[in-house]
Protein backbone atom coordinates (compact mmCIF):
# COMPACT_ATOMS: atom_id res chain seq x y z
CA MET A 1 5.54 -5.28 -51.35
CA LYS A 2 8.87 -7.17 -51.21
CA TRP A 3 11.17 -6.65 -48.23
CA SER A 4 13.74 -4.93 -50.38
CA GLU A 5 11.16 -2.28 -51.35
CA LEU A 6 10.83 -1.03 -47.83
CA PRO A 7 12.89 2.08 -46.99
CA ARG A 8 16.14 1.20 -45.21
CA GLU A 9 15.07 2.91 -41.98
CA ALA A 10 11.81 0.92 -41.99
CA ARG A 11 13.69 -2.41 -42.40
CA ALA A 12 16.13 -1.45 -39.53
CA TYR A 13 13.16 -0.66 -37.27
CA ILE A 14 11.42 -3.98 -38.06
CA ILE A 15 14.61 -5.90 -37.43
CA TYR A 16 14.87 -4.21 -34.02
CA HIS A 17 11.42 -5.61 -33.15
CA ALA A 18 12.63 -9.13 -34.26
CA LEU A 19 15.74 -8.78 -32.11
CA VAL A 20 13.71 -7.71 -28.98
CA ALA A 21 11.92 -11.12 -28.96
CA PRO A 22 13.96 -12.76 -26.11
CA VAL A 23 13.41 -9.76 -23.90
CA LEU A 24 9.64 -10.08 -24.31
CA PHE A 25 9.75 -13.48 -22.56
CA SER A 26 10.36 -11.47 -19.35
CA TRP A 27 6.76 -10.47 -19.51
CA TYR A 28 5.94 -14.07 -18.57
CA ILE A 29 8.93 -14.91 -16.46
CA ILE A 30 8.25 -12.04 -14.02
CA PRO A 31 4.59 -12.86 -13.12
CA TYR A 32 5.46 -16.62 -13.17
CA SER A 33 8.29 -16.00 -10.64
CA LEU A 34 5.96 -13.97 -8.44
CA LEU A 35 3.33 -16.65 -8.38
CA GLU A 36 5.95 -19.29 -7.76
CA SER A 37 7.46 -17.26 -4.96
CA GLY A 38 4.15 -17.36 -3.09
CA TYR A 39 2.31 -14.23 -4.21
CA SER A 40 -1.37 -14.68 -4.96
CA VAL A 41 -2.77 -13.46 -8.28
CA LEU A 42 -4.64 -10.76 -6.31
CA GLN A 43 -1.43 -9.45 -4.80
CA VAL A 44 0.20 -9.41 -8.20
CA GLY A 45 -2.72 -7.47 -9.62
CA VAL A 46 -2.43 -4.94 -6.75
CA ILE A 47 1.27 -4.39 -7.31
CA TYR A 48 0.69 -3.73 -11.01
CA THR A 49 -1.98 -1.25 -10.21
CA ALA A 50 0.09 0.60 -7.62
CA VAL A 51 2.90 1.16 -10.11
CA SER A 52 0.43 2.30 -12.73
CA LEU A 53 -0.54 5.23 -10.62
CA LEU A 54 2.79 6.94 -10.88
CA SER A 55 3.19 6.67 -14.68
CA LEU A 56 -0.22 8.03 -15.81
CA PRO A 57 0.53 11.85 -15.87
CA LEU A 58 3.69 11.36 -17.79
CA THR A 59 2.26 9.79 -20.92
CA PHE A 60 0.72 12.85 -22.54
CA ILE A 61 3.69 15.04 -21.49
CA VAL A 62 6.09 12.65 -23.10
CA GLY A 63 4.17 12.55 -26.33
CA ARG A 64 4.19 16.36 -26.54
CA VAL A 65 7.87 16.59 -25.78
CA TYR A 66 8.85 14.04 -28.42
CA THR A 67 6.79 15.82 -31.04
CA TYR A 68 9.72 18.24 -31.08
CA ARG A 69 12.62 15.92 -30.24
CA ASN A 70 14.34 12.94 -31.79
CA LEU A 71 12.11 9.85 -31.45
CA LYS A 72 15.10 7.53 -31.60
CA ALA A 73 16.31 8.86 -28.20
CA GLY A 74 12.93 8.02 -26.64
CA LEU A 75 13.12 4.45 -28.09
CA MET A 76 16.59 3.95 -26.57
CA ILE A 77 15.35 5.11 -23.15
CA ILE A 78 12.62 2.42 -23.21
CA ASP A 79 15.27 -0.28 -23.52
CA VAL A 80 17.56 1.27 -20.92
CA LEU A 81 14.59 1.32 -18.45
CA GLY A 82 13.67 -2.19 -19.46
CA SER A 83 17.15 -3.46 -18.80
CA VAL A 84 17.34 -1.72 -15.35
CA SER A 85 13.92 -3.24 -14.48
CA ILE A 86 15.09 -6.78 -15.44
CA PHE A 87 18.25 -6.43 -13.37
CA LEU A 88 16.16 -5.23 -10.37
CA PHE A 89 13.80 -8.20 -10.64
CA ALA A 90 16.74 -10.59 -10.80
CA ALA A 91 18.08 -8.93 -7.64
CA ALA A 92 14.66 -9.26 -6.03
CA ILE A 93 14.71 -13.02 -6.65
CA TRP A 94 18.27 -13.28 -5.23
CA MET A 95 17.42 -11.22 -2.14
CA ASN A 96 13.77 -12.31 -1.83
CA SER A 97 12.88 -8.61 -1.52
CA PRO A 98 9.27 -7.41 -2.16
CA LEU A 99 10.63 -3.85 -2.19
CA LEU A 100 12.89 -4.63 -5.15
CA VAL A 101 9.93 -6.36 -6.85
CA ALA A 102 8.02 -3.12 -6.60
CA ALA A 103 10.98 -1.04 -7.74
CA SER A 104 11.48 -3.29 -10.78
CA LEU A 105 7.78 -3.03 -11.87
CA LEU A 106 7.90 0.71 -11.26
CA ILE A 107 10.89 1.27 -13.47
CA ASP A 108 9.36 -0.91 -16.12
CA LYS A 109 6.07 1.08 -15.84
CA LEU A 110 8.01 4.31 -16.20
CA SER A 111 8.85 3.35 -19.72
CA GLY A 112 5.15 2.96 -20.49
CA PRO A 113 4.61 6.67 -21.32
CA LEU A 114 7.22 6.31 -23.99
CA TYR A 115 5.36 3.39 -25.84
CA PRO A 116 3.36 5.72 -28.02
CA LEU A 117 6.68 6.71 -29.69
CA TYR A 118 6.57 3.39 -31.46
CA PRO A 119 3.52 4.20 -33.65
CA ALA A 120 4.85 7.74 -34.05
CA TYR A 121 8.06 6.36 -35.43
CA GLU A 122 6.22 3.88 -37.66
CA ARG A 123 4.12 6.74 -39.02
CA ALA A 124 7.25 8.69 -39.87
CA VAL A 125 9.38 5.89 -41.55
CA TYR A 126 6.83 3.67 -43.24
CA PRO A 127 5.84 4.68 -46.75
CA GLU A 128 2.53 6.57 -46.57
CA ASP A 129 1.23 5.33 -49.88
CA ARG A 130 1.87 1.65 -48.98
CA MET A 131 1.31 1.74 -45.26
CA LYS A 132 -0.80 -1.49 -45.04
CA GLU A 133 1.98 -3.46 -46.84
CA ALA A 134 4.57 -2.03 -44.49
CA LEU A 135 2.50 -2.94 -41.46
CA ILE A 136 2.23 -6.49 -42.76
CA TRP A 137 6.04 -6.72 -42.68
CA HIS A 138 5.95 -5.04 -39.25
CA MET A 139 3.96 -7.94 -38.05
CA ILE A 140 5.46 -10.99 -39.91
CA VAL A 141 9.17 -10.54 -39.18
CA PRO A 142 9.00 -9.97 -35.35
CA GLU A 143 6.33 -12.67 -34.89
CA ALA A 144 8.48 -15.14 -36.86
CA SER A 145 11.27 -14.38 -34.41
CA LEU A 146 8.95 -14.91 -31.39
CA ALA A 147 7.70 -18.18 -32.85
CA VAL A 148 11.27 -19.51 -32.73
CA VAL A 149 12.54 -17.90 -29.51
CA LEU A 150 9.61 -18.47 -27.21
CA PRO A 151 9.52 -22.29 -27.25
CA VAL A 152 13.28 -22.42 -26.81
CA MET A 153 13.18 -20.14 -23.82
CA GLY A 154 10.09 -21.82 -22.43
CA TYR A 155 11.81 -25.22 -22.61
CA LEU A 156 14.99 -23.83 -21.02
CA PHE A 157 13.20 -22.23 -18.05
CA GLY A 158 10.14 -24.43 -17.89
CA VAL A 159 11.67 -27.85 -18.28
CA THR A 160 15.57 -27.79 -17.96
CA PHE A 161 16.43 -24.95 -15.63
CA VAL A 162 13.39 -24.58 -13.46
CA SER A 163 14.75 -23.26 -10.16
CA LEU A 164 14.24 -19.59 -9.24
CA GLU A 165 18.07 -19.27 -9.10
CA CYS A 166 18.27 -20.31 -12.82
CA VAL A 167 15.46 -17.87 -13.61
CA MET A 168 17.47 -15.13 -11.85
CA TRP A 169 20.56 -15.73 -13.94
CA GLY A 170 18.41 -15.93 -17.08
CA LEU A 171 16.90 -12.54 -16.30
CA ALA A 172 20.33 -11.07 -15.74
CA GLY A 173 21.28 -12.25 -19.22
CA LEU A 174 18.24 -10.71 -20.74
CA GLY A 175 19.10 -7.45 -18.96
CA ILE A 176 22.57 -7.43 -20.61
CA TYR A 177 21.07 -8.30 -23.97
CA GLU A 178 18.58 -5.40 -23.81
CA LEU A 179 21.55 -3.02 -23.32
CA VAL A 180 22.96 -4.41 -26.54
CA LEU A 181 19.68 -3.48 -28.26
CA VAL A 182 20.22 0.14 -27.16
CA ALA A 183 23.48 0.14 -29.09
CA TYR A 184 21.60 -1.27 -32.16
CA LEU A 185 19.00 1.48 -31.96
CA TRP A 186 21.74 4.09 -31.80
CA LEU A 187 23.66 2.70 -34.76
CA ALA A 188 20.89 1.44 -37.06
CA LEU A 189 17.88 3.74 -36.64
CA LYS A 190 17.38 6.97 -38.49
CA PRO A 191 16.86 10.03 -36.29
CA VAL A 192 13.24 11.25 -36.62
CA THR A 193 11.86 14.57 -35.38
CA LEU A 194 8.09 14.99 -36.22
CA SER A 195 7.94 18.73 -36.03
CA GLU A 196 10.78 21.21 -36.71
CA GLU A 197 8.98 24.01 -34.82
CA SER A 198 10.11 24.93 -31.30
CA GLU A 199 8.34 23.22 -28.46
CA GLU A 200 7.68 26.59 -26.89
CA LYS A 201 6.28 27.93 -30.11
CA GLU A 202 3.82 30.13 -28.32
CA ASP A 203 2.69 30.99 -24.71
CA GLY A 204 0.16 28.49 -23.62
CA GLY A 205 1.33 26.02 -26.25
CA PHE A 206 0.67 23.08 -23.95
CA ILE A 207 -3.01 24.15 -23.48
CA GLU A 208 -3.40 24.64 -27.24
CA ASP A 209 -2.11 21.06 -27.81
CA VAL A 210 -4.55 19.70 -25.28
CA LYS A 211 -7.32 21.50 -27.03
CA SER A 212 -6.44 20.33 -30.49
CA VAL A 213 -6.21 16.72 -29.32
CA ALA A 214 -9.64 17.07 -27.51
CA LEU A 215 -11.15 18.47 -30.72
CA ALA A 216 -9.70 15.57 -32.75
CA LEU A 217 -11.00 13.01 -30.27
CA LYS A 218 -14.48 14.53 -30.52
CA GLY A 219 -14.32 14.89 -34.33
CA LYS A 220 -12.32 12.85 -36.91
CA LEU A 221 -10.98 10.30 -34.22
CA LYS A 222 -14.25 9.81 -32.36
CA LEU A 223 -15.14 6.38 -33.71
CA TYR A 224 -11.55 5.20 -33.82
CA PHE A 225 -11.00 6.28 -30.23
CA LEU A 226 -14.19 4.73 -28.78
CA SER A 227 -13.80 1.41 -30.56
CA SER A 228 -10.10 1.18 -29.82
CA MET A 229 -10.69 2.09 -26.20
CA LEU A 230 -13.22 -0.73 -25.69
CA TYR A 231 -11.11 -3.24 -27.59
CA LEU A 232 -7.87 -2.36 -25.57
CA LEU A 233 -9.81 -2.28 -22.31
CA ALA A 234 -10.91 -5.85 -23.03
CA TRP A 235 -7.28 -6.88 -23.39
CA SER A 236 -6.55 -5.01 -20.17
CA PHE A 237 -8.58 -7.71 -18.42
CA LEU A 238 -6.20 -10.30 -19.85
CA PRO A 239 -2.65 -9.08 -18.98
CA SER A 240 0.30 -11.44 -18.90
CA PHE A 241 -0.13 -12.37 -15.21
CA VAL A 242 -3.72 -13.53 -15.90
CA THR A 243 -2.53 -15.74 -18.76
CA VAL A 244 0.29 -17.16 -16.65
CA ASN A 245 -2.10 -17.66 -13.68
CA PHE A 246 -4.78 -19.31 -15.94
CA ILE A 247 -2.29 -21.85 -17.34
CA VAL A 248 -0.64 -22.55 -14.00
CA GLU A 249 -3.87 -22.87 -12.01
CA GLU A 250 -6.19 -24.47 -14.55
CA TYR A 251 -3.63 -26.76 -16.33
CA GLY A 252 -0.86 -27.14 -13.81
CA GLY A 253 1.47 -25.67 -16.44
CA THR A 254 4.98 -24.27 -16.37
CA LEU A 255 6.75 -21.61 -18.38
CA PHE A 256 7.03 -24.15 -21.17
CA HIS A 257 3.23 -24.37 -21.37
CA VAL A 258 3.06 -20.55 -21.38
CA SER A 259 5.59 -20.42 -24.23
CA LEU A 260 3.59 -22.94 -26.37
CA PHE A 261 0.58 -20.78 -25.84
CA GLU A 262 2.43 -17.68 -26.94
CA SER A 263 4.10 -19.41 -29.84
CA ALA A 264 0.72 -20.34 -31.25
CA ILE A 265 -0.08 -16.65 -31.11
CA SER A 266 3.01 -15.73 -33.02
CA LEU A 267 2.37 -18.35 -35.72
CA ALA A 268 -1.15 -17.06 -36.07
CA SER A 269 0.07 -13.53 -36.60
CA ILE A 270 2.17 -14.66 -39.55
CA ALA A 271 -0.79 -16.68 -40.99
CA SER A 272 -3.13 -13.68 -40.48
CA MET A 273 -0.83 -11.31 -42.33
CA LYS A 274 -0.77 -13.62 -45.32
CA LEU A 275 -4.61 -13.51 -45.28
CA CYS A 276 -4.66 -9.72 -44.93
CA GLU A 277 -2.60 -9.33 -48.08
CA HIS A 278 -5.78 -10.40 -50.00
CA ILE A 279 -8.16 -8.08 -48.14
CA PRO A 280 -8.47 -4.71 -49.94
CA GLU A 281 -8.44 -1.59 -47.90
CA SER A 282 -11.99 -0.82 -49.02
CA ARG A 283 -13.08 -3.79 -46.87
CA ALA A 284 -11.17 -2.50 -43.79
CA PHE A 285 -14.16 -2.11 -41.55
CA GLN A 286 -15.68 -5.38 -42.48
CA ALA A 287 -12.28 -6.90 -41.60
CA LEU A 288 -12.33 -5.03 -38.25
CA MET A 289 -15.81 -6.32 -37.46
CA GLY A 290 -14.90 -9.91 -38.50
CA SER A 291 -11.68 -9.85 -36.41
CA ALA A 292 -13.48 -8.47 -33.33
CA LEU A 293 -16.18 -11.13 -33.63
CA SER A 294 -13.53 -13.83 -33.98
CA VAL A 295 -11.67 -12.60 -30.93
CA THR A 296 -14.98 -12.37 -29.00
CA ALA A 297 -16.05 -15.94 -29.87
CA THR A 298 -12.64 -17.56 -29.08
CA THR A 299 -12.22 -15.66 -25.83
CA LEU A 300 -15.58 -17.02 -24.71
CA LEU A 301 -14.39 -20.55 -25.60
CA ILE A 302 -11.18 -20.13 -23.66
CA SER A 303 -13.19 -19.12 -20.56
CA LEU A 304 -14.84 -22.58 -20.76
CA ARG A 305 -11.48 -24.23 -19.94
CA PRO A 306 -10.98 -26.64 -22.82
CA SER A 307 -8.21 -29.26 -22.83
CA PHE A 308 -4.62 -27.75 -23.25
CA PRO A 309 -4.14 -28.77 -26.87
CA ILE A 310 -7.51 -27.09 -27.66
CA LEU A 311 -6.43 -24.05 -25.68
CA VAL A 312 -3.39 -23.74 -27.86
CA LEU A 313 -5.54 -23.90 -30.96
CA LEU A 314 -7.86 -21.27 -29.50
CA ALA A 315 -4.81 -19.02 -28.81
CA PHE A 316 -4.01 -19.33 -32.53
CA ALA A 317 -7.64 -18.39 -33.47
CA VAL A 318 -7.61 -15.50 -31.07
CA ARG A 319 -4.51 -14.09 -32.52
CA MET A 320 -5.62 -14.58 -36.11
CA GLY A 321 -8.45 -12.15 -35.26
CA ASP A 322 -6.37 -9.82 -33.12
CA ALA A 323 -3.53 -9.47 -35.64
CA THR A 324 -6.03 -8.66 -38.42
CA TRP A 325 -7.62 -6.14 -36.03
CA PHE A 326 -4.11 -4.54 -35.31
CA LEU A 327 -3.29 -4.20 -38.96
CA PHE A 328 -6.53 -2.51 -40.13
CA ASN A 329 -6.96 -0.47 -36.90
CA ARG A 330 -3.34 0.94 -37.04
CA ASN A 331 -3.82 1.67 -40.76
CA TRP A 332 -7.16 3.48 -40.01
CA PHE A 333 -5.35 5.51 -37.28
CA PHE A 334 -2.54 6.55 -39.61
CA LYS A 335 -5.03 7.69 -42.26
CA LEU A 336 -6.70 9.97 -39.71
CA ILE A 337 -3.56 11.88 -38.51
CA SER A 338 -0.61 13.65 -40.01
CA LYS A 339 2.94 12.65 -39.25
CA GLU A 340 3.36 15.73 -37.07
CA GLU A 341 0.39 14.68 -34.91
CA ALA A 342 1.59 11.09 -34.41
CA ALA A 343 3.34 11.26 -31.06
CA LEU A 344 0.95 13.73 -29.47
CA VAL A 345 -2.32 11.95 -30.50
CA SER A 346 -0.89 8.51 -29.73
CA SER A 347 0.19 9.65 -26.29
CA ALA A 348 -3.22 11.28 -25.65
CA VAL A 349 -5.05 8.09 -26.57
CA SER A 350 -2.72 6.06 -24.38
CA THR A 351 -3.08 8.47 -21.50
CA LEU A 352 -6.92 8.21 -21.59
CA ARG A 353 -6.75 4.44 -21.97
CA SER A 354 -4.42 4.20 -18.97
CA GLY A 355 -6.70 6.42 -17.01
CA PHE A 356 -9.76 4.27 -17.73
CA SER A 357 -7.80 1.02 -16.95
CA LEU A 358 -5.92 2.34 -13.97
CA LEU A 359 -7.56 0.09 -11.36
CA LEU A 360 -8.00 -2.84 -13.80
CA PRO A 361 -4.93 -4.95 -12.73
CA ALA A 362 -6.26 -5.06 -9.18
CA LEU A 363 -9.76 -5.79 -10.39
CA THR A 364 -8.51 -8.40 -12.75
CA GLY A 365 -6.44 -9.99 -10.06
CA LEU A 366 -9.52 -10.04 -7.81
CA LEU A 367 -11.58 -11.70 -10.49
CA ALA A 368 -8.88 -14.23 -11.24
CA ASN A 369 -8.58 -14.94 -7.56
CA PHE A 370 -12.20 -15.98 -7.51
CA ASP A 371 -12.00 -17.89 -10.77
CA PRO A 372 -9.18 -17.82 -13.38
CA LYS A 373 -11.82 -17.84 -16.08
CA LEU A 374 -13.69 -14.72 -15.06
CA PRO A 375 -11.33 -12.10 -16.78
CA TYR A 376 -11.92 -13.85 -20.06
CA MET A 377 -15.66 -13.51 -19.71
CA VAL A 378 -15.38 -9.83 -19.05
CA GLY A 379 -13.05 -9.47 -22.06
CA PHE A 380 -15.71 -11.29 -24.22
CA ILE A 381 -18.34 -8.65 -23.31
CA LEU A 382 -16.01 -5.66 -24.06
CA PHE A 383 -14.79 -7.17 -27.38
CA LEU A 384 -18.45 -7.62 -28.43
CA SER A 385 -19.25 -4.01 -27.60
CA THR A 386 -16.91 -2.66 -30.32
CA ILE A 387 -19.07 -3.91 -33.26
CA PRO A 388 -21.50 -1.03 -33.35
CA PHE A 389 -18.72 1.53 -33.71
CA TYR A 390 -17.21 -0.37 -36.67
CA LEU A 391 -20.63 -0.52 -38.37
CA ALA A 392 -20.95 3.32 -37.84
CA ALA A 393 -17.47 3.82 -39.41
CA TRP A 394 -18.32 1.62 -42.30
CA ARG A 395 -21.61 3.65 -42.99
CA GLU A 396 -19.52 6.83 -42.85
CA GLN A 397 -17.15 5.46 -45.39
CA LYS A 398 -19.94 4.33 -47.74
CA GLU A 399 -21.59 7.78 -47.42
CA LYS A 400 -18.31 9.60 -48.30
CA ALA A 401 -17.79 7.29 -51.27
CA LEU A 402 -21.30 8.09 -52.58
CA LYS A 403 -20.78 11.89 -52.26
CA SER A 404 -17.42 11.75 -54.10
């Protein structure tokens, strides 16, 4: 599929994800600044866990609400909250205030329940009959932006302007930029409402929605849910603060080293999508198994603490597998649900994953406090455990093909 063949609203949405690239660097600036300010990795993990507690009940409710409301408004709220969070963290550096650090992370976490609106919007605006090709563009364009932006920002804040005061002003600039993205969303994105029915379509509608999601998770979504849960839980042991701590503690690195690591990941995403173009959808589950095994093996190698150049190459290899997994896993999900179910089911899955991983930031911080390599070893075990579920889904696919 050529770029021009995508619907206009799909192109506008993908461009938004490319424009958001500079803001994503705050995911690494914030934990790096905390560690440089004297917080231990265990304290950072506890802070991340504490703010997670408050956002958990909101996720499913948000998904249900935005089944009947304009998704674009929800996407705009994400960036407004992100901007406020960044401003608060800049103020926390200026005032050396732990309270403002917690407030910043809490505001950022409050946008988490809205994140399932992203796949819901994608399900609505990407062409259903060419979903895989649209998802390839969804990966290539933003990752190309990240591959350019991250090294530049890493060099600026890891080599040239390294003081916490410079980081503070850099964060303030990112906060302003994220508000500009809100204006872009308002002007460029098509309004999308998944269901035209009233939210209060019947008494007990909320309970009915919960039941329908529960039935889907036990039925058509069972293998998808279990495999995705294990895979994403594995990544929950490797959040941004663990990556930053690993590079700082094991390699004496700066934000520039972190940006090189992440740039390798973005380049790998682009390379992976070029490879995925040649993998037919009939081979989706083999691709999922292969990508999970690739991530499993390279995660184990990272835990052995190779030299930094080898680490960057391993980051490339990990993302090659992970990007392939994302493409075929998201395409599998979209084939299992209707457009109307997208926000509700995405939010339910996200709520359950958040519930299972609620204490993981603190646990991960504890593991990393003992040894920065330990979270990678736990991730290795969880990645490996997904393979039986992909085998079962592959067998189901073959059985259906034989019956038809």
